[in-house]
N, C-alpha and C. Protein backbone atom coordinates (compact mmCIF):
# COMPACT_ATOMS: atom_id res chain seq x y z
N MET A 1 -18.70 -11.31 10.14
CA MET A 1 -18.35 -11.89 11.54
C MET A 1 -19.16 -10.43 12.29
N ARG A 2 -18.47 -9.41 11.80
CA ARG A 2 -18.88 -8.55 13.06
C ARG A 2 -20.06 -8.70 13.29
N GLU A 3 -21.39 -8.85 12.88
CA GLU A 3 -22.47 -8.68 13.24
C GLU A 3 -22.93 -10.13 14.54
N GLY A 4 -22.01 -11.15 14.10
CA GLY A 4 -21.87 -12.00 14.77
C GLY A 4 -20.84 -11.62 16.04
N LEU A 5 -20.06 -11.03 15.76
CA LEU A 5 -19.56 -10.48 17.52
C LEU A 5 -20.24 -9.73 17.80
N VAL A 6 -20.79 -8.89 17.22
CA VAL A 6 -22.02 -8.01 18.32
C VAL A 6 -23.18 -8.35 18.87
N ALA A 7 -23.63 -10.01 18.61
CA ALA A 7 -24.73 -10.22 18.77
C ALA A 7 -23.97 -11.97 20.32
N LEU A 8 -22.27 -12.20 19.95
CA LEU A 8 -22.12 -12.40 21.62
C LEU A 8 -22.70 -11.30 22.21
N LEU A 9 -21.71 -10.48 22.05
CA LEU A 9 -21.54 -9.39 22.91
C LEU A 9 -22.59 -9.24 23.59
N ASP A 10 -23.90 -9.23 22.80
CA ASP A 10 -24.69 -8.05 23.59
C ASP A 10 -25.39 -9.88 24.40
N LEU A 11 -24.82 -11.01 24.33
CA LEU A 11 -25.89 -11.73 24.92
C LEU A 11 -24.80 -11.89 27.34
N VAL A 12 -23.77 -11.02 26.14
CA VAL A 12 -23.03 -10.90 27.40
C VAL A 12 -23.77 -8.82 28.99
N ASP A 13 -23.34 -10.43 30.20
CA ASP A 13 -24.91 -9.09 30.93
C ASP A 13 -23.58 -7.43 30.92
N ASP A 14 -22.98 -7.45 31.44
CA ASP A 14 -22.14 -6.32 31.88
C ASP A 14 -22.18 -5.36 30.10
N VAL A 15 -22.41 -5.65 29.48
CA VAL A 15 -21.31 -4.58 28.01
C VAL A 15 -22.52 -4.67 27.27
N GLU A 16 -22.45 -3.48 26.97
CA GLU A 16 -23.13 -2.83 26.69
C GLU A 16 -22.37 -2.10 25.29
N VAL A 17 -23.24 -3.24 23.86
CA VAL A 17 -22.44 -2.41 21.96
C VAL A 17 -23.55 -1.00 22.40
N VAL A 18 -22.39 -0.24 22.07
CA VAL A 18 -22.87 1.40 21.22
C VAL A 18 -23.34 1.47 20.03
N GLY A 19 -22.07 0.98 19.58
CA GLY A 19 -21.84 0.39 17.67
C GLY A 19 -21.10 -0.44 17.19
N ASP A 20 -21.35 -0.28 15.80
CA ASP A 20 -20.38 -1.08 15.10
C ASP A 20 -19.63 -0.63 14.15
N ALA A 21 -18.97 -1.39 13.39
CA ALA A 21 -17.66 -0.11 12.22
C ALA A 21 -16.95 -0.58 11.24
N ARG A 22 -17.16 -0.73 9.82
CA ARG A 22 -16.92 -1.59 9.33
C ARG A 22 -15.65 -1.49 8.56
N ASP A 23 -15.22 0.13 8.44
CA ASP A 23 -13.13 0.04 8.57
C ASP A 23 -13.12 1.59 9.60
N GLY A 24 -11.39 0.99 9.60
CA GLY A 24 -11.21 2.51 11.10
C GLY A 24 -11.76 3.96 11.04
N GLU A 25 -12.02 4.39 9.63
CA GLU A 25 -12.06 6.22 9.49
C GLU A 25 -13.55 5.80 10.01
N LYS A 26 -14.80 5.22 10.58
CA LYS A 26 -16.17 5.31 11.03
C LYS A 26 -15.78 4.69 12.05
N ALA A 27 -14.86 4.49 12.96
CA ALA A 27 -14.40 3.37 13.62
C ALA A 27 -14.55 5.32 14.43
N LEU A 28 -13.40 5.47 13.37
CA LEU A 28 -13.08 7.41 14.44
C LEU A 28 -14.39 7.93 15.04
N ARG A 29 -15.12 7.43 13.79
CA ARG A 29 -16.14 9.24 13.86
C ARG A 29 -17.29 8.66 14.71
N LEU A 30 -17.22 7.46 15.87
CA LEU A 30 -18.44 6.59 16.20
C LEU A 30 -17.27 7.02 17.65
N VAL A 31 -15.95 6.75 18.10
CA VAL A 31 -16.20 6.87 18.76
C VAL A 31 -16.08 8.11 19.38
N ALA A 32 -15.58 9.51 18.19
CA ALA A 32 -16.40 10.94 17.96
C ALA A 32 -17.80 11.11 18.76
N GLU A 33 -18.55 10.94 18.63
CA GLU A 33 -19.87 11.05 18.62
C GLU A 33 -20.32 9.90 19.77
N LEU A 34 -19.62 8.92 19.90
CA LEU A 34 -20.34 7.35 21.14
C LEU A 34 -19.60 7.53 22.75
N ARG A 35 -18.36 7.94 22.06
CA ARG A 35 -17.75 8.56 23.87
C ARG A 35 -17.53 6.46 24.30
N PRO A 36 -17.02 5.61 23.01
CA PRO A 36 -16.97 4.41 24.33
C PRO A 36 -15.62 4.14 25.33
N ASP A 37 -16.13 3.40 26.30
CA ASP A 37 -15.44 2.69 27.47
C ASP A 37 -14.23 1.90 27.14
N ILE A 38 -14.87 1.28 25.98
CA ILE A 38 -13.78 0.44 25.31
C ILE A 38 -13.86 -0.67 23.78
N VAL A 39 -13.30 0.26 22.52
CA VAL A 39 -13.11 0.15 20.78
C VAL A 39 -11.84 -1.28 20.63
N LEU A 40 -12.23 -2.95 20.77
CA LEU A 40 -12.37 -3.56 20.10
C LEU A 40 -12.49 -3.55 19.13
N MET A 41 -11.03 -3.41 18.39
CA MET A 41 -10.56 -3.43 16.98
C MET A 41 -9.89 -4.37 16.05
N ASP A 42 -10.50 -4.69 15.34
CA ASP A 42 -9.67 -5.24 14.01
C ASP A 42 -8.44 -5.14 13.44
N LEU A 43 -7.32 -5.29 12.93
CA LEU A 43 -6.48 -4.28 12.68
C LEU A 43 -6.27 -4.51 10.62
N ARG A 44 -6.96 -6.13 9.79
CA ARG A 44 -7.30 -5.66 8.50
C ARG A 44 -8.43 -4.93 8.11
N MET A 45 -8.53 -3.77 7.94
CA MET A 45 -9.86 -2.96 7.14
C MET A 45 -9.64 -2.27 6.32
N PRO A 46 -10.64 -1.14 5.51
CA PRO A 46 -10.75 -0.75 4.20
C PRO A 46 -10.52 0.14 4.84
N VAL A 47 -10.58 1.84 3.80
CA VAL A 47 -9.91 3.21 3.88
C VAL A 47 -9.02 3.52 5.48
N MET A 48 -9.33 3.14 6.85
CA MET A 48 -8.13 3.31 7.28
C MET A 48 -7.64 1.27 7.97
N ASP A 49 -6.61 0.83 8.22
CA ASP A 49 -7.34 0.01 9.22
C ASP A 49 -6.11 0.10 10.81
N GLY A 50 -6.47 -0.59 11.56
CA GLY A 50 -6.53 -0.87 12.57
C GLY A 50 -5.73 -0.13 13.51
N VAL A 51 -4.85 -0.41 13.06
CA VAL A 51 -3.07 0.41 13.63
C VAL A 51 -3.81 1.20 13.69
N GLU A 52 -3.91 2.20 11.55
CA GLU A 52 -3.99 3.83 11.92
C GLU A 52 -5.65 4.45 12.97
N ALA A 53 -6.04 3.34 13.30
CA ALA A 53 -7.38 3.89 13.37
C ALA A 53 -7.11 4.25 15.74
N THR A 54 -6.25 3.14 15.92
CA THR A 54 -6.06 2.91 17.60
C THR A 54 -4.54 4.05 18.04
N ARG A 55 -4.17 4.80 16.29
CA ARG A 55 -3.41 5.43 17.03
C ARG A 55 -3.65 6.74 17.48
N ARG A 56 -4.66 6.77 16.80
CA ARG A 56 -5.69 8.44 16.55
C ARG A 56 -6.50 8.03 17.14
N ILE A 57 -7.11 6.90 17.90
CA ILE A 57 -8.11 7.03 18.80
C ILE A 57 -7.14 7.19 19.94
N THR A 58 -6.10 6.74 20.27
CA THR A 58 -5.85 6.96 21.88
C THR A 58 -4.92 8.14 21.80
N ARG A 59 -4.56 8.72 20.50
CA ARG A 59 -4.06 10.33 21.18
C ARG A 59 -5.10 11.21 20.83
N GLU A 60 -6.18 10.74 20.57
CA GLU A 60 -7.53 11.97 19.94
C GLU A 60 -7.73 11.79 21.32
N TYR A 61 -8.17 10.21 22.29
CA TYR A 61 -9.62 10.37 23.27
C TYR A 61 -8.33 10.13 24.00
N PRO A 62 -7.85 10.14 24.43
CA PRO A 62 -6.99 9.14 25.61
C PRO A 62 -7.96 8.23 26.66
N GLU A 63 -8.57 8.78 26.62
CA GLU A 63 -9.76 7.80 27.49
C GLU A 63 -10.16 7.07 27.47
N VAL A 64 -10.69 6.54 25.51
CA VAL A 64 -11.54 5.58 25.24
C VAL A 64 -9.79 3.64 25.15
N VAL A 65 -10.28 3.17 26.06
CA VAL A 65 -8.94 2.07 25.88
C VAL A 65 -9.05 0.86 24.46
N VAL A 66 -8.21 0.40 23.62
CA VAL A 66 -8.33 0.11 22.32
C VAL A 66 -8.32 -1.35 22.57
N VAL A 67 -8.61 -2.27 22.43
CA VAL A 67 -8.43 -4.16 22.78
C VAL A 67 -8.00 -4.76 21.18
N VAL A 68 -7.03 -5.09 21.30
CA VAL A 68 -7.31 -5.82 19.38
C VAL A 68 -7.87 -6.81 18.59
N LEU A 69 -8.51 -7.26 18.32
CA LEU A 69 -9.31 -8.41 17.96
C LEU A 69 -8.93 -9.07 16.69
N THR A 70 -7.89 -9.47 16.27
CA THR A 70 -7.67 -10.44 14.71
C THR A 70 -6.48 -11.17 14.45
N THR A 71 -7.06 -12.13 13.59
CA THR A 71 -6.71 -13.16 13.37
C THR A 71 -5.90 -13.25 13.16
N TYR A 72 -4.51 -11.67 12.68
CA TYR A 72 -3.36 -11.97 13.07
C TYR A 72 -2.41 -12.46 13.89
N ASP A 73 -1.34 -12.47 14.47
CA ASP A 73 -0.71 -12.49 15.38
C ASP A 73 0.79 -12.10 15.24
N ASP A 74 1.52 -11.74 14.21
CA ASP A 74 2.74 -11.92 14.27
C ASP A 74 3.38 -11.04 14.94
N ASP A 75 4.98 -11.35 14.98
CA ASP A 75 5.50 -9.88 15.17
C ASP A 75 5.06 -9.05 15.42
N GLN A 76 4.73 -8.51 13.30
CA GLN A 76 4.56 -7.23 12.99
C GLN A 76 3.84 -6.23 13.54
N SER A 77 2.63 -7.01 13.12
CA SER A 77 1.23 -7.00 13.84
C SER A 77 0.69 -6.77 15.60
N VAL A 78 1.06 -6.86 15.82
CA VAL A 78 1.11 -6.98 17.82
C VAL A 78 1.97 -6.11 17.29
N ASP A 79 3.87 -5.79 17.05
CA ASP A 79 4.02 -4.19 17.89
C ASP A 79 3.89 -3.28 17.54
N SER A 80 2.74 -3.22 16.08
CA SER A 80 1.93 -2.15 15.70
C SER A 80 1.04 -1.90 16.45
N ALA A 81 -0.11 -2.78 16.46
CA ALA A 81 -1.07 -2.32 17.45
C ALA A 81 -0.89 -1.88 19.15
N LEU A 82 0.45 -2.55 18.93
CA LEU A 82 0.97 -2.37 20.75
C LEU A 82 1.23 -1.00 20.86
N LEU A 83 2.20 -0.88 19.87
CA LEU A 83 2.87 0.48 19.99
C LEU A 83 1.96 2.12 19.44
N ALA A 84 0.85 1.80 18.58
CA ALA A 84 -0.16 2.73 18.66
C ALA A 84 -0.92 3.08 19.02
N GLY A 85 -0.81 1.51 20.75
CA GLY A 85 -1.36 2.16 22.28
C GLY A 85 -2.63 0.65 22.69
N ALA A 86 -2.63 -0.15 21.01
CA ALA A 86 -4.07 -0.75 22.06
C ALA A 86 -3.07 -1.02 23.82
N CYS A 87 -4.09 -1.70 24.39
CA CYS A 87 -4.23 -2.05 25.90
C CYS A 87 -4.50 -3.45 26.33
N GLY A 88 -4.56 -4.55 25.22
CA GLY A 88 -5.31 -5.52 24.97
C GLY A 88 -4.60 -6.12 23.69
N TYR A 89 -4.24 -7.56 23.09
CA TYR A 89 -4.63 -8.03 22.07
C TYR A 89 -5.39 -9.68 22.09
N LEU A 90 -6.06 -10.09 21.36
CA LEU A 90 -6.40 -11.11 21.63
C LEU A 90 -7.34 -11.59 19.46
N THR A 91 -7.01 -12.65 19.69
CA THR A 91 -7.36 -13.56 18.47
C THR A 91 -8.28 -14.19 18.01
N LYS A 92 -8.71 -14.07 16.94
CA LYS A 92 -10.09 -14.20 16.49
C LYS A 92 -10.21 -16.39 16.70
N ASP A 93 -9.69 -16.23 18.02
CA ASP A 93 -10.52 -17.85 18.16
C ASP A 93 -10.49 -17.57 19.25
N ALA A 94 -11.05 -16.48 19.58
CA ALA A 94 -10.43 -15.96 21.09
C ALA A 94 -12.41 -16.48 21.12
N GLY A 95 -12.97 -16.32 22.41
CA GLY A 95 -13.90 -17.56 23.07
C GLY A 95 -14.98 -15.94 23.65
N ARG A 96 -16.57 -16.24 23.86
CA ARG A 96 -17.46 -15.62 24.83
C ARG A 96 -16.89 -14.63 25.60
N VAL A 97 -16.76 -16.16 26.16
CA VAL A 97 -15.49 -15.84 28.45
C VAL A 97 -14.26 -15.07 28.17
N GLU A 98 -13.67 -15.39 27.59
CA GLU A 98 -12.67 -14.54 27.28
C GLU A 98 -12.41 -13.40 26.70
N ILE A 99 -13.20 -12.76 25.80
CA ILE A 99 -13.85 -11.52 24.94
C ILE A 99 -14.25 -11.15 26.08
N ALA A 100 -14.92 -11.45 26.57
CA ALA A 100 -15.85 -10.30 27.73
C ALA A 100 -14.98 -10.23 29.14
N ALA A 101 -13.42 -11.05 29.73
CA ALA A 101 -12.99 -11.08 30.65
C ALA A 101 -11.93 -10.04 29.97
N ALA A 102 -11.85 -9.48 28.92
CA ALA A 102 -10.45 -8.76 27.43
C ALA A 102 -10.92 -7.60 28.59
N LEU A 103 -12.49 -7.67 28.19
CA LEU A 103 -12.66 -6.17 28.01
C LEU A 103 -13.74 -5.21 29.59
N ARG A 104 -13.46 -6.17 30.81
CA ARG A 104 -14.22 -6.29 31.66
C ARG A 104 -12.17 -6.47 33.01
N SER A 105 -10.90 -6.53 32.05
CA SER A 105 -9.55 -6.17 32.18
C SER A 105 -9.58 -4.24 31.90
N ALA A 106 -9.90 -4.16 30.94
CA ALA A 106 -9.34 -3.19 29.63
C ALA A 106 -10.60 -2.30 30.79
N ALA A 107 -11.26 -2.09 31.13
CA ALA A 107 -12.22 -1.36 31.65
C ALA A 107 -12.02 -0.54 33.63
N THR A 108 -10.77 -1.84 33.60
CA THR A 108 -10.34 -0.89 35.14
C THR A 108 -8.61 -0.32 35.00
N GLY A 109 -8.26 -0.45 33.18
CA GLY A 109 -6.75 -0.97 32.95
C GLY A 109 -5.78 -1.71 33.38
N GLN A 110 -5.45 -2.57 33.09
CA GLN A 110 -4.94 -4.51 33.27
C GLN A 110 -5.02 -4.42 31.54
N SER A 111 -4.31 -4.82 31.33
CA SER A 111 -3.83 -5.21 29.91
C SER A 111 -4.22 -7.44 29.09
N THR A 112 -4.50 -7.49 28.55
CA THR A 112 -5.36 -8.94 28.60
C THR A 112 -4.81 -9.04 26.92
N PHE A 113 -3.46 -10.37 27.35
CA PHE A 113 -2.98 -11.20 25.74
C PHE A 113 -3.77 -12.47 25.50
N SER A 114 -3.67 -12.81 23.92
CA SER A 114 -3.99 -13.93 23.79
C SER A 114 -2.75 -14.92 24.54
N ALA A 115 -3.38 -16.36 24.99
CA ALA A 115 -1.91 -16.95 25.49
C ALA A 115 -0.68 -16.89 24.59
N ALA A 116 -1.17 -17.49 23.27
CA ALA A 116 0.20 -17.23 22.04
C ALA A 116 0.20 -16.07 21.78
N VAL A 117 -0.26 -14.79 21.64
CA VAL A 117 0.93 -13.54 22.02
C VAL A 117 1.75 -12.79 23.16
N SER A 118 1.91 -14.25 24.55
CA SER A 118 1.51 -13.75 25.46
C SER A 118 3.52 -14.25 24.95
N ARG A 119 3.36 -15.59 25.32
CA ARG A 119 4.14 -16.44 24.90
C ARG A 119 5.22 -15.40 23.99
N ARG A 120 4.91 -14.77 23.10
CA ARG A 120 5.46 -14.51 21.49
C ARG A 120 6.09 -13.57 22.55
N LEU A 121 5.36 -11.96 23.17
CA LEU A 121 5.83 -10.86 24.40
C LEU A 121 7.13 -11.54 24.90
N VAL A 122 6.84 -12.80 25.24
CA VAL A 122 7.75 -12.29 27.01
C VAL A 122 8.95 -13.47 26.59
N ASP A 123 8.61 -14.50 24.42
CA ASP A 123 9.68 -14.66 24.37
C ASP A 123 11.61 -13.66 23.72
N ALA A 124 10.15 -12.64 23.08
CA ALA A 124 11.02 -11.29 22.58
C ALA A 124 11.56 -10.12 23.60
N LEU A 125 10.97 -10.82 24.87
CA LEU A 125 11.18 -9.35 26.26
C LEU A 125 13.08 -9.97 26.80
N SER A 126 12.83 -11.36 27.29
CA SER A 126 13.65 -12.73 27.46
C SER A 126 15.06 -12.66 25.94
N ARG A 127 15.08 -11.94 24.70
CA ARG A 127 15.94 -12.35 24.49
C ARG A 127 16.49 -11.27 23.90
N ALA A 128 16.01 -9.02 23.72
CA ALA A 128 15.76 -8.32 24.21
C ALA A 128 16.75 -7.79 24.98
N THR A 129 17.71 -7.34 24.64
CA THR A 129 18.70 -6.29 26.14
C THR A 129 17.62 -4.68 25.32
N PRO A 130 17.71 -4.59 27.12
CA PRO A 130 16.27 -2.55 27.22
C PRO A 130 17.43 -2.30 27.05
N PRO A 131 16.92 -1.22 26.63
CA PRO A 131 18.20 0.18 26.56
C PRO A 131 18.32 0.59 28.27
N PRO A 132 19.11 0.83 27.92
CA PRO A 132 19.87 1.57 29.58
C PRO A 132 19.40 2.55 29.96
N VAL A 133 19.13 2.05 31.26
CA VAL A 133 18.41 3.03 32.07
C VAL A 133 19.30 4.76 32.36
N THR A 134 18.98 5.72 31.11
CA THR A 134 19.86 6.45 31.72
C THR A 134 19.24 8.15 32.75
N ALA A 135 18.08 8.01 32.41
CA ALA A 135 17.42 9.30 33.61
C ALA A 135 16.76 8.46 34.11
N CYS A 136 15.97 9.41 34.86
CA CYS A 136 14.77 8.68 35.86
C CYS A 136 14.09 9.91 36.40
N PRO A 137 13.24 10.20 35.40
CA PRO A 137 12.54 11.15 35.30
C PRO A 137 11.62 11.24 36.98
N ASP A 138 11.06 12.17 37.90
CA ASP A 138 9.82 12.88 39.10
C ASP A 138 10.55 10.88 39.94
N GLY A 139 11.47 11.45 40.12
CA GLY A 139 11.62 10.27 41.18
C GLY A 139 11.90 8.99 41.79
N LEU A 140 11.80 8.84 39.89
CA LEU A 140 11.51 6.89 39.88
C LEU A 140 13.49 6.62 40.41
N THR A 141 12.86 5.06 40.28
CA THR A 141 14.37 3.82 40.83
C THR A 141 14.33 3.50 39.53
N VAL A 142 15.44 3.44 39.24
CA VAL A 142 16.04 2.27 38.06
C VAL A 142 14.40 1.10 37.71
N ARG A 143 14.72 0.12 38.26
CA ARG A 143 13.91 -0.34 38.27
C ARG A 143 12.07 -0.15 38.00
N GLU A 144 11.51 1.51 39.25
CA GLU A 144 10.72 1.18 38.85
C GLU A 144 11.12 2.14 37.08
N VAL A 145 11.30 2.77 36.24
CA VAL A 145 11.31 2.66 34.71
C VAL A 145 11.44 1.59 34.80
N GLU A 146 12.10 0.36 34.63
CA GLU A 146 12.06 -0.67 34.02
C GLU A 146 10.75 -1.79 34.07
N VAL A 147 10.57 -1.10 35.01
CA VAL A 147 8.67 -2.12 35.03
C VAL A 147 7.95 -1.12 34.10
N LEU A 148 7.47 0.54 34.42
CA LEU A 148 7.10 0.51 33.92
C LEU A 148 7.03 0.49 32.05
N ARG A 149 8.49 0.67 31.75
CA ARG A 149 8.54 0.61 30.47
C ARG A 149 7.36 -0.89 29.90
N LEU A 150 7.77 -2.02 30.78
CA LEU A 150 7.30 -3.04 30.08
C LEU A 150 5.37 -2.70 30.83
N VAL A 151 4.98 -2.94 31.96
CA VAL A 151 3.96 -1.91 31.12
C VAL A 151 2.90 -0.95 29.85
N ALA A 152 4.00 -0.83 29.52
CA ALA A 152 3.75 0.74 28.24
C ALA A 152 4.01 -0.62 27.36
N ARG A 153 4.79 -2.03 27.46
CA ARG A 153 4.42 -2.80 25.54
C ARG A 153 3.11 -3.39 26.68
N GLY A 154 2.40 -3.90 27.09
CA GLY A 154 1.10 -4.25 27.46
C GLY A 154 1.27 -5.90 28.35
N LEU A 155 2.48 -6.15 28.78
CA LEU A 155 2.62 -6.95 29.54
C LEU A 155 2.24 -7.21 31.41
N SER A 156 1.75 -7.80 31.66
CA SER A 156 1.11 -8.26 33.07
C SER A 156 1.96 -8.53 34.36
N ASN A 157 1.47 -7.72 34.97
CA ASN A 157 2.07 -8.38 36.15
C ASN A 157 3.35 -9.57 36.51
N ALA A 158 2.23 -10.52 36.45
CA ALA A 158 3.60 -11.78 36.17
C ALA A 158 4.77 -12.37 34.88
N GLU A 159 3.85 -10.90 33.58
CA GLU A 159 4.87 -11.77 32.82
C GLU A 159 5.73 -10.24 32.49
N ILE A 160 5.97 -9.01 34.03
CA ILE A 160 6.92 -8.40 33.98
C ILE A 160 8.03 -9.41 34.29
N GLY A 161 7.33 -10.66 36.04
CA GLY A 161 8.17 -10.18 36.83
C GLY A 161 9.05 -11.74 36.43
N SER A 162 7.89 -12.57 35.42
CA SER A 162 9.68 -13.52 34.91
C SER A 162 10.62 -12.34 33.55
N ALA A 163 9.94 -11.46 33.11
CA ALA A 163 11.16 -10.67 32.49
C ALA A 163 12.01 -10.81 33.02
N LEU A 164 11.71 -9.78 33.49
CA LEU A 164 13.00 -8.82 34.96
C LEU A 164 13.52 -9.68 36.14
N PHE A 165 12.46 -11.03 36.47
CA PHE A 165 12.95 -11.74 37.52
C PHE A 165 12.93 -11.47 38.51
N ILE A 166 11.83 -11.41 39.07
CA ILE A 166 11.48 -11.35 40.18
C ILE A 166 10.46 -11.02 40.60
N ALA A 167 10.06 -11.43 41.60
CA ALA A 167 8.82 -11.77 42.13
C ALA A 167 7.66 -10.65 41.84
N GLU A 168 6.18 -11.14 41.20
CA GLU A 168 4.96 -10.47 40.75
C GLU A 168 4.60 -10.12 42.20
N THR A 169 4.52 -9.80 43.84
CA THR A 169 4.70 -9.05 45.05
C THR A 169 5.54 -7.84 44.51
N THR A 170 6.65 -8.56 44.15
CA THR A 170 7.72 -6.90 43.69
C THR A 170 7.09 -5.99 42.92
N VAL A 171 6.96 -6.65 41.73
CA VAL A 171 6.42 -5.37 40.56
C VAL A 171 5.82 -5.32 40.64
N LYS A 172 4.36 -5.09 42.40
CA LYS A 172 3.27 -5.12 42.80
C LYS A 172 3.39 -3.23 43.58
N THR A 173 4.55 -3.77 44.32
CA THR A 173 4.74 -2.07 44.79
C THR A 173 5.72 -2.49 43.91
N HIS A 174 6.50 -2.39 43.39
CA HIS A 174 7.02 -1.03 42.09
C HIS A 174 5.83 -0.39 41.40
N ILE A 175 5.12 -1.54 40.61
CA ILE A 175 3.45 -0.09 40.07
C ILE A 175 3.52 0.31 41.76
N ASN A 176 3.33 -0.32 42.43
CA ASN A 176 2.08 1.38 43.06
C ASN A 176 3.24 2.71 43.34
N ASN A 177 4.35 2.07 43.70
CA ASN A 177 5.37 3.04 44.22
C ASN A 177 5.82 4.33 43.08
N ALA A 178 5.60 3.59 41.74
CA ALA A 178 5.78 4.56 39.87
C ALA A 178 4.85 5.45 39.85
N PHE A 179 2.83 4.87 40.18
CA PHE A 179 1.80 5.44 39.82
C PHE A 179 2.83 6.53 41.23
N SER A 180 2.19 6.97 42.85
CA SER A 180 2.21 7.39 42.95
C SER A 180 2.89 8.24 42.99
N LYS A 181 4.46 8.16 42.65
CA LYS A 181 5.11 9.08 41.99
C LYS A 181 4.82 10.13 41.67
N ILE A 182 4.58 9.57 39.91
CA ILE A 182 4.05 9.95 38.34
C ILE A 182 3.43 10.82 38.34
N GLY A 183 1.42 10.20 39.57
CA GLY A 183 0.81 11.49 39.83
C GLY A 183 -0.55 10.09 38.51
N VAL A 184 -0.49 9.11 38.94
CA VAL A 184 -1.71 8.42 37.70
C VAL A 184 -2.38 7.06 38.05
N ARG A 185 -3.26 6.67 37.40
CA ARG A 185 -4.06 5.70 38.78
C ARG A 185 -4.03 4.65 38.02
N ASN A 186 -4.07 4.10 36.91
CA ASN A 186 -3.99 2.48 35.97
C ASN A 186 -2.74 2.67 35.75
N ARG A 187 -2.90 1.74 35.08
CA ARG A 187 -2.28 0.48 33.42
C ARG A 187 -2.39 1.93 32.40
N THR A 188 -3.26 2.46 31.95
CA THR A 188 -3.11 2.84 31.06
C THR A 188 -2.73 3.56 31.06
N GLU A 189 -2.67 5.10 31.74
CA GLU A 189 -2.32 6.35 32.15
C GLU A 189 -1.07 5.67 32.14
N ALA A 190 -0.80 4.78 33.18
CA ALA A 190 0.78 4.64 33.31
C ALA A 190 0.54 4.51 31.91
N ALA A 191 0.83 3.36 30.88
CA ALA A 191 1.59 3.16 30.05
C ALA A 191 1.79 5.16 28.92
N ALA A 192 1.11 5.23 29.45
CA ALA A 192 1.06 6.65 28.39
C ALA A 192 1.60 7.50 28.62
N TYR A 193 2.18 7.49 30.39
CA TYR A 193 3.44 8.27 30.50
C TYR A 193 4.94 7.19 29.97
N ALA A 194 5.19 6.07 30.55
CA ALA A 194 6.21 5.82 29.57
C ALA A 194 6.57 6.16 28.13
N ARG A 195 5.58 6.02 26.57
CA ARG A 195 5.68 5.96 26.13
C ARG A 195 5.78 7.64 25.40
N ASP A 196 5.75 8.67 26.61
CA ASP A 196 6.14 10.24 26.54
C ASP A 196 7.32 9.82 27.47
N LYS A 197 8.00 9.81 28.43
CA LYS A 197 9.37 9.88 28.81
C LYS A 197 9.90 9.21 28.67
N LEU A 198 9.28 8.06 29.04
CA LEU A 198 10.71 6.48 28.33
C LEU A 198 10.97 5.93 27.68
N LEU A 199 10.29 5.33 26.52
CA LEU A 199 10.37 5.08 25.13
C LEU A 199 11.14 5.52 24.84
């Protein structure tokens, strides 16, 4: 499967595969050595699983973005990967075009999810009662804190709008204002800020 994926990605013009690993421990070593822009991570691997590898990579190399590509799309797998710091989640039925689009999005700080995972996230958010905003650091408004929390969960602007019942353009305005206040440049940095200060 790994060799097939490497061959598939080699056909994508603006993607260069710089290494591949059969387990999370080797993936961590390769990230330290090669410093890739993006890691495409499986979850179930020997030696060190993909969740722990993702957690270590995002903590030790915050400039490296992790996108999960796995056969598992159950709640626990999705939640574990996102809480570990993954910024995208695809299932292995994704084709070359979808994987390439996810990598391009990740390179610009955007999150990408398979359709099934997106539906699962929106359903979970619509059922869950978000924790009340009790403090707004750095001059953020209550709504900006709510939006940043959802950015940290990897939701797109459209999904955030659906979850908060506001227009996508309003979400974009809140994101731009929040980014300016907290001094971040992209969603990956904003998610790290939210995980550190707002979750």
